[in-house]
C-alpha cells in the first residue's frame, strides 16, 4: 500500500496559519466573528428584524387585506384592515336580489378587480386591495375596486346614496328636531 501522507506517517487536519493569508499577504481579519459555541446564541439579530419590519410596513402602507364578507340587510359588506394595524374599513355594495346580478354590478366589478369569481367568493378573504389613507376621511379604496369606472352621473348618485346610508341616523334626528322647531315657529307666528 502506498503512503500518501508525504512519508512521515501522520496526517494533519489543522490548517497551517501561514497558509491562511489572502492574496495580498494580509492575514485574515481578527474582526471576523467566530461561530458561537452555545446553540442558544444562534438566531436572527434584533437589528435585522427591526429593519425588515420597518421595510415591510413601509412597502405595505397602501394596501388593505379583506378579512370578512358578510350580508347586511340588502347589501354586501366587505371588511378590510391594513396589514400592520387593527383599524377596519368597510366597503358596502348592493347584494343580488330576485335571482339577478344586475343590482350588484359594483360588487361584481370589485370581484373582477380582485381576480375572484362570483362562484368562488371564499377566495376574496386574504386578497390585498390597493388603498390610500387620509387622516381626515380615512381609507379610500382604489377606484378600480369601487367600480368608479362608470359614468359620472351614476357615480354621483351612488356617492349620494352611500352618504345617505352612512349618515341616516343623523339625518333622521335633524328632520325631527327641524320639524319641531318649524312647528314652534308656526305656533308663535299664529298667536303673536
Protein backbone atom coordinates (compact mmCIF):
# COMPACT_ATOMS: atom_id res chain seq x y z
CA UNK A 1 0.00 0.00 0.00
CA UNK A 2 1.38 3.41 -0.93
CA UNK A 3 1.97 6.04 1.70
CA UNK A 4 0.14 9.22 0.62
CA UNK A 5 0.95 11.36 3.63
CA UNK A 6 4.30 12.51 2.33
CA UNK A 7 6.37 9.96 4.13
CA UNK A 8 6.09 10.85 7.82
CA UNK A 9 3.03 8.68 8.51
CA UNK A 10 0.88 11.37 10.19
CA UNK A 11 -1.80 13.46 8.56
CA UNK A 12 -2.56 16.92 9.92
CA UNK A 13 -6.18 18.12 9.89
CA UNK A 14 -5.48 21.61 11.15
CA UNK A 15 -4.92 24.49 8.77
CA UNK A 16 -1.47 25.94 8.52
CA UNK A 17 -1.60 29.50 9.98
CA UNK A 18 0.79 30.76 7.34
CA UNK A 19 -1.37 29.41 4.50
CA UNK A 20 -4.45 31.29 5.78
CA UNK A 21 -3.19 34.51 4.24
CA UNK A 22 -5.21 36.15 1.48
CA UNK A 23 -3.90 37.17 -1.94
CA UNK A 24 -2.42 40.49 -0.75
CA UNK A 25 -0.46 38.85 2.01
CA UNK A 26 -2.68 40.20 4.81
CA UNK A 27 -3.72 37.67 7.45
CA UNK A 28 -7.46 37.02 7.89
CA UNK A 29 -9.02 39.79 9.91
CA UNK A 30 -9.35 39.16 13.62
CA UNK A 31 -12.64 41.12 13.48
CA UNK A 32 -14.48 38.18 11.94
CA UNK A 33 -16.84 36.70 14.50
CA UNK A 34 -16.43 33.04 15.25
CA UNK A 35 -19.49 30.84 15.39
CA UNK A 36 -20.85 30.68 18.93
CA UNK A 37 -20.31 27.51 20.90
CA UNK A 38 -23.71 27.83 22.58
CA UNK A 39 -26.62 26.93 20.21
CA UNK A 40 -28.86 29.41 22.08
CA UNK A 41 -26.75 32.28 20.75
CA UNK A 42 -27.61 31.37 17.15
CA UNK A 43 -30.58 33.36 15.81
CA UNK A 44 -31.65 36.48 13.99
CA UNK A 45 -30.18 39.76 15.12
CA UNK A 46 -32.76 42.18 16.54
CA UNK A 47 -31.47 44.96 14.24
CA UNK A 48 -32.20 42.76 11.21
CA UNK A 49 -35.71 42.01 12.50
CA UNK A 50 -36.38 45.71 13.09
CA UNK A 51 -35.13 46.72 9.63
CA UNK A 52 -37.22 44.04 7.92
CA UNK A 53 -40.32 45.03 9.90
CA UNK A 54 -39.89 48.73 9.02
CA UNK A 55 -39.31 47.93 5.34
CA UNK A 56 -42.34 45.63 5.26
CA UNK A 57 -44.58 48.24 6.86
CA UNK A 58 -43.33 50.95 4.52
CA UNK A 59 -43.87 48.78 1.46
CA UNK A 60 -47.35 47.70 2.61
CA UNK A 61 -48.71 51.06 3.72
CA UNK A 62 -51.09 51.43 0.74
CA UNK A 63 -52.80 48.05 0.98
CA UNK A 64 -55.89 46.71 2.74
CA UNK A 65 -56.49 43.00 3.29
CA UNK A 66 -60.01 41.58 3.00
CA UNK A 67 -60.86 39.89 6.31
CA UNK A 68 -64.60 39.24 6.06
CA UNK A 69 -67.52 39.36 3.62
CA UNK A 70 -71.00 39.41 5.12
CA UNK A 71 -74.58 40.33 4.35
CA UNK A 72 -76.02 43.46 5.97
CA UNK A 73 -79.67 43.82 5.04
CA UNK A 74 -79.87 44.20 1.28
CA UNK A 75 -76.16 45.00 0.99
CA UNK A 76 -72.85 43.13 1.00
CA UNK A 77 -70.25 44.44 3.46
CA UNK A 78 -66.59 43.74 2.64
CA UNK A 79 -64.47 44.33 5.75
CA UNK A 80 -60.77 45.09 5.33
CA UNK A 81 -57.84 46.01 7.54
CA UNK A 82 -54.30 47.23 6.95
CA UNK A 83 -51.60 44.54 7.26
CA UNK A 84 -49.97 46.31 10.21
CA UNK A 85 -52.94 47.71 12.11
CA UNK A 86 -56.16 46.88 13.87
CA UNK A 87 -58.38 49.53 12.25
CA UNK A 88 -61.03 48.22 9.91
CA UNK A 89 -62.53 49.69 6.77
CA UNK A 90 -65.81 48.53 5.25
CA UNK A 91 -67.00 48.85 1.68
CA UNK A 92 -70.70 48.25 1.01
CA UNK A 93 -72.21 47.01 -2.23
CA UNK A 94 -75.73 46.15 -3.33
CA UNK A 95 -76.41 42.44 -2.86
CA UNK A 96 -78.02 40.33 -5.58
CA UNK A 97 -81.81 40.28 -5.32
CA UNK A 98 -84.54 38.47 -7.18
CA UNK A 99 -82.07 35.94 -8.57
CA UNK A 100 -80.25 38.52 -10.71
CA UNK A 101 -76.79 40.07 -10.57
CA UNK A 102 -77.94 43.32 -12.23
CA UNK A 103 -78.41 45.07 -8.88
CA UNK A 104 -74.90 44.15 -7.68
CA UNK A 105 -72.92 45.48 -10.62
CA UNK A 106 -70.42 47.32 -8.38
CA UNK A 107 -69.80 44.21 -6.29
CA UNK A 108 -69.13 42.22 -9.45
CA UNK A 109 -66.65 44.90 -10.57
CA UNK A 110 -64.95 44.64 -7.15
CA UNK A 111 -64.68 40.86 -7.51
CA UNK A 112 -63.36 41.19 -11.06
CA UNK A 113 -60.71 43.73 -9.99
CA UNK A 114 -59.67 41.37 -7.18
CA UNK A 115 -59.46 38.47 -9.64
CA UNK A 116 -62.12 36.42 -7.85
CA UNK A 117 -65.02 34.61 -9.50
CA UNK A 118 -68.53 35.18 -8.08
CA UNK A 119 -68.69 31.39 -7.69
CA UNK A 120 -65.53 31.36 -5.50
CA UNK A 121 -66.21 34.29 -3.15
CA UNK A 122 -64.34 32.44 -0.37
CA UNK A 123 -61.11 33.30 -2.20
CA UNK A 124 -61.79 37.01 -1.61
CA UNK A 125 -60.71 36.72 2.04
CA UNK A 126 -56.99 37.48 2.19
CA UNK A 127 -56.97 39.50 -1.04
CA UNK A 128 -54.84 42.65 -0.98
CA UNK A 129 -56.69 45.73 -2.20
CA UNK A 130 -54.80 48.94 -3.12
CA UNK A 131 -55.95 51.87 -0.98
CA UNK A 132 -54.85 55.25 0.30
CA UNK A 133 -55.23 56.70 3.77
CA UNK A 134 -56.20 60.29 4.53
CA UNK A 135 -56.24 61.34 8.23
CA UNK A 136 -59.44 63.36 7.70
CA UNK A 137 -61.51 60.98 5.57
CA UNK A 138 -59.91 57.63 6.44
CA UNK A 139 -59.23 54.82 3.98
CA UNK A 140 -60.19 55.11 0.33
CA UNK A 141 -60.07 52.01 -1.83
CA UNK A 142 -58.61 52.29 -5.33
CA UNK A 143 -61.35 53.50 -7.75
CA UNK A 144 -60.91 50.34 -9.85
CA UNK A 145 -62.13 48.28 -6.88
CA UNK A 146 -65.00 50.65 -6.09
CA UNK A 147 -66.50 50.33 -9.58
CA UNK A 148 -65.95 54.02 -10.33
CA UNK A 149 -65.15 53.40 -13.96
CA UNK A 150 -68.79 54.07 -14.89
CA UNK A 151 -70.30 57.38 -15.96
CA UNK A 152 -70.06 60.44 -13.70
CA UNK A 153 -73.84 60.78 -13.16
CA UNK A 154 -74.15 57.24 -11.88
CA UNK A 155 -71.14 57.80 -9.61
CA UNK A 156 -72.72 60.91 -8.10
CA UNK A 157 -75.93 59.01 -7.43
CA UNK A 158 -74.00 56.13 -5.83
CA UNK A 159 -71.93 58.55 -3.74
CA UNK A 160 -75.10 60.36 -2.58
CA UNK A 161 -76.74 57.08 -1.71
CA UNK A 162 -73.63 55.97 0.22
CA UNK A 163 -73.58 59.28 2.10
CA UNK A 164 -77.29 58.96 2.97
CA UNK A 165 -76.73 55.39 4.16
CA UNK A 166 -73.77 56.42 6.32
CA UNK A 167 -75.48 59.41 7.95
CA UNK A 168 -79.09 58.12 8.03
CA UNK A 169 -79.41 58.34 11.84
CA UNK A 170 -78.15 61.94 11.91
CA UNK A 171 -80.48 62.89 9.06
CA UNK A 172 -83.48 61.43 10.88
CA UNK A 173 -82.53 63.32 14.06
CA UNK A 174 -82.11 66.57 12.08
CA UNK A 175 -85.52 66.11 10.44
CA UNK A 176 -87.23 65.50 13.79
CA UNK A 177 -85.59 68.49 15.50
CA UNK A 178 -86.08 70.70 12.45
CA UNK A 179 -89.75 69.72 12.24
CA UNK A 180 -90.33 70.53 15.91
CA UNK A 181 -88.63 73.92 15.53
CA UNK A 182 -90.71 74.71 12.46
CA UNK A 183 -93.87 73.74 14.34
CA UNK A 184 -92.92 76.02 17.27
CA UNK A 185 -92.18 78.88 14.85
CA UNK A 186 -95.58 78.47 13.18
CA UNK A 187 -97.37 78.48 16.57
CA UNK A 188 -95.52 81.64 17.61
CA UNK A 189 -96.39 83.39 14.33
CA UNK A 190 -100.05 82.41 14.50
CA UNK A 191 -100.62 83.55 18.09
CA UNK A 192 -98.30 86.56 18.15
